[in-house]
């Protein structure tokens, strides 16, 4: 997804430079990355809520061995 956004932005940059000044273009790009960050963060919060509904009010550290079925030595 990030690769697609970066490729599309770099591909269309010459077209946008003709229409928008550089300052406005930089502001729009920063706003889009902030929006992307909010969407990714919201997806993470939805994941936490889904894990809490599935396993109860346990923390994700307690859920990790059940969800991934790996030993702690492989993570650390």
C-alpha atoms as a PDB file:
ATOM      1  CA  UNK A   1       0.000   0.000   0.000  1.00  0.00           C
ATOM      2  CA  UNK A   2       2.776   2.424   0.901  1.00  0.00           C
ATOM      3  CA  UNK A   3       4.692   1.427  -2.235  1.00  0.00           C
ATOM      4  CA  UNK A   4       1.607   2.068  -4.354  1.00  0.00           C
ATOM      5  CA  UNK A   5       1.035   5.487  -2.813  1.00  0.00           C
ATOM      6  CA  UNK A   6       4.704   6.452  -3.259  1.00  0.00           C
ATOM      7  CA  UNK A   7       4.773   5.212  -6.872  1.00  0.00           C
ATOM      8  CA  UNK A   8       1.565   7.019  -7.771  1.00  0.00           C
ATOM      9  CA  UNK A   9       2.769  10.213  -6.126  1.00  0.00           C
ATOM     10  CA  UNK A  10       6.136  10.163  -7.881  1.00  0.00           C
ATOM     11  CA  UNK A  11       4.507   9.293 -11.199  1.00  0.00           C
ATOM     12  CA  UNK A  12       1.994  12.146 -10.994  1.00  0.00           C
ATOM     13  CA  UNK A  13       4.335  14.743  -9.459  1.00  0.00           C
ATOM     14  CA  UNK A  14       5.178  16.462 -12.785  1.00  0.00           C
ATOM     15  CA  UNK A  15       1.463  16.855 -13.514  1.00  0.00           C
ATOM     16  CA  UNK A  16       0.714  18.298 -10.081  1.00  0.00           C
ATOM     17  CA  UNK A  17       3.624  20.753 -10.263  1.00  0.00           C
ATOM     18  CA  UNK A  18       2.032  22.462 -13.239  1.00  0.00           C
ATOM     19  CA  UNK A  19      -1.262  22.961 -11.410  1.00  0.00           C
ATOM     20  CA  UNK A  20      -0.270  23.566  -7.760  1.00  0.00           C
ATOM     21  CA  UNK A  21       2.507  25.652  -6.208  1.00  0.00           C
ATOM     22  CA  UNK A  22       5.180  23.691  -4.324  1.00  0.00           C
ATOM     23  CA  UNK A  23       4.045  24.948  -0.897  1.00  0.00           C
ATOM     24  CA  UNK A  24       0.455  23.858  -1.418  1.00  0.00           C
ATOM     25  CA  UNK A  25       1.583  20.510  -2.789  1.00  0.00           C
ATOM     26  CA  UNK A  26       3.790  19.892   0.259  1.00  0.00           C
ATOM     27  CA  UNK A  27       0.886  20.766   2.576  1.00  0.00           C
ATOM     28  CA  UNK A  28      -1.448  18.368   0.773  1.00  0.00           C
ATOM     29  CA  UNK A  29       1.131  15.561   0.860  1.00  0.00           C
ATOM     30  CA  UNK A  30       1.722  16.042   4.586  1.00  0.00           C
ATOM     31  CA  UNK A  31      -2.014  16.010   5.177  1.00  0.00           C
ATOM     32  CA  UNK A  32      -2.360  12.772   3.229  1.00  0.00           C
ATOM     33  CA  UNK A  33       0.380  11.097   5.256  1.00  0.00           C
ATOM     34  CA  UNK A  34      -1.290  12.240   8.479  1.00  0.00           C
ATOM     35  CA  UNK A  35      -4.553  10.751   7.211  1.00  0.00           C
ATOM     36  CA  UNK A  36      -2.768   7.501   6.336  1.00  0.00           C
ATOM     37  CA  UNK A  37      -1.263   7.385   9.839  1.00  0.00           C
ATOM     38  CA  UNK A  38      -4.676   7.882  11.413  1.00  0.00           C
ATOM     39  CA  UNK A  39      -6.109   5.075   9.292  1.00  0.00           C
ATOM     40  CA  UNK A  40      -3.291   2.692  10.269  1.00  0.00           C
ATOM     41  CA  UNK A  41      -3.688   3.614  13.931  1.00  0.00           C
ATOM     42  CA  UNK A  42      -7.431   3.057  13.763  1.00  0.00           C
ATOM     43  CA  UNK A  43      -6.827  -0.352  12.206  1.00  0.00           C
ATOM     44  CA  UNK A  44      -4.520  -1.210  15.115  1.00  0.00           C
ATOM     45  CA  UNK A  45      -7.137  -0.125  17.649  1.00  0.00           C
ATOM     46  CA  UNK A  46      -9.742  -2.256  15.902  1.00  0.00           C
ATOM     47  CA  UNK A  47      -7.315  -5.196  16.107  1.00  0.00           C
ATOM     48  CA  UNK A  48      -6.861  -4.686  19.841  1.00  0.00           C
ATOM     49  CA  UNK A  49     -10.622  -4.580  20.345  1.00  0.00           C
ATOM     50  CA  UNK A  50     -11.082  -7.746  18.293  1.00  0.00           C
ATOM     51  CA  UNK A  51      -8.440  -9.558  20.361  1.00  0.00           C
ATOM     52  CA  UNK A  52     -10.076  -8.336  23.580  1.00  0.00           C
ATOM     53  CA  UNK A  53     -13.450  -9.656  22.436  1.00  0.00           C
ATOM     54  CA  UNK A  54     -11.939 -12.977  21.431  1.00  0.00           C
ATOM     55  CA  UNK A  55      -9.738 -13.603  24.472  1.00  0.00           C
ATOM     56  CA  UNK A  56     -11.336 -11.399  27.128  1.00  0.00           C
ATOM     57  CA  UNK A  57      -9.664  -8.519  28.916  1.00  0.00           C
ATOM     58  CA  UNK A  58      -6.185 -10.061  28.809  1.00  0.00           C
ATOM     59  CA  UNK A  59      -3.315  -8.034  27.476  1.00  0.00           C
ATOM     60  CA  UNK A  60      -1.794  -8.710  24.071  1.00  0.00           C
ATOM     61  CA  UNK A  61       1.392  -9.981  25.710  1.00  0.00           C
ATOM     62  CA  UNK A  62      -0.609 -12.717  27.376  1.00  0.00           C
ATOM     63  CA  UNK A  63      -2.380 -13.520  24.095  1.00  0.00           C
ATOM     64  CA  UNK A  64       0.760 -13.682  21.952  1.00  0.00           C
ATOM     65  CA  UNK A  65       1.773 -17.305  22.690  1.00  0.00           C
ATOM     66  CA  UNK A  66      -1.780 -18.465  22.006  1.00  0.00           C
ATOM     67  CA  UNK A  67      -2.226 -16.440  18.823  1.00  0.00           C
ATOM     68  CA  UNK A  68       1.167 -17.144  17.231  1.00  0.00           C
ATOM     69  CA  UNK A  69       2.027 -20.477  18.845  1.00  0.00           C
ATOM     70  CA  UNK A  70       5.750 -19.613  18.906  1.00  0.00           C
ATOM     71  CA  UNK A  71       8.083 -19.867  21.832  1.00  0.00           C
ATOM     72  CA  UNK A  72       9.291 -16.702  23.552  1.00  0.00           C
ATOM     73  CA  UNK A  73      12.871 -17.517  22.618  1.00  0.00           C
ATOM     74  CA  UNK A  74      12.016 -16.924  18.968  1.00  0.00           C
ATOM     75  CA  UNK A  75      10.773 -13.403  19.677  1.00  0.00           C
ATOM     76  CA  UNK A  76      13.609 -12.214  21.937  1.00  0.00           C
END
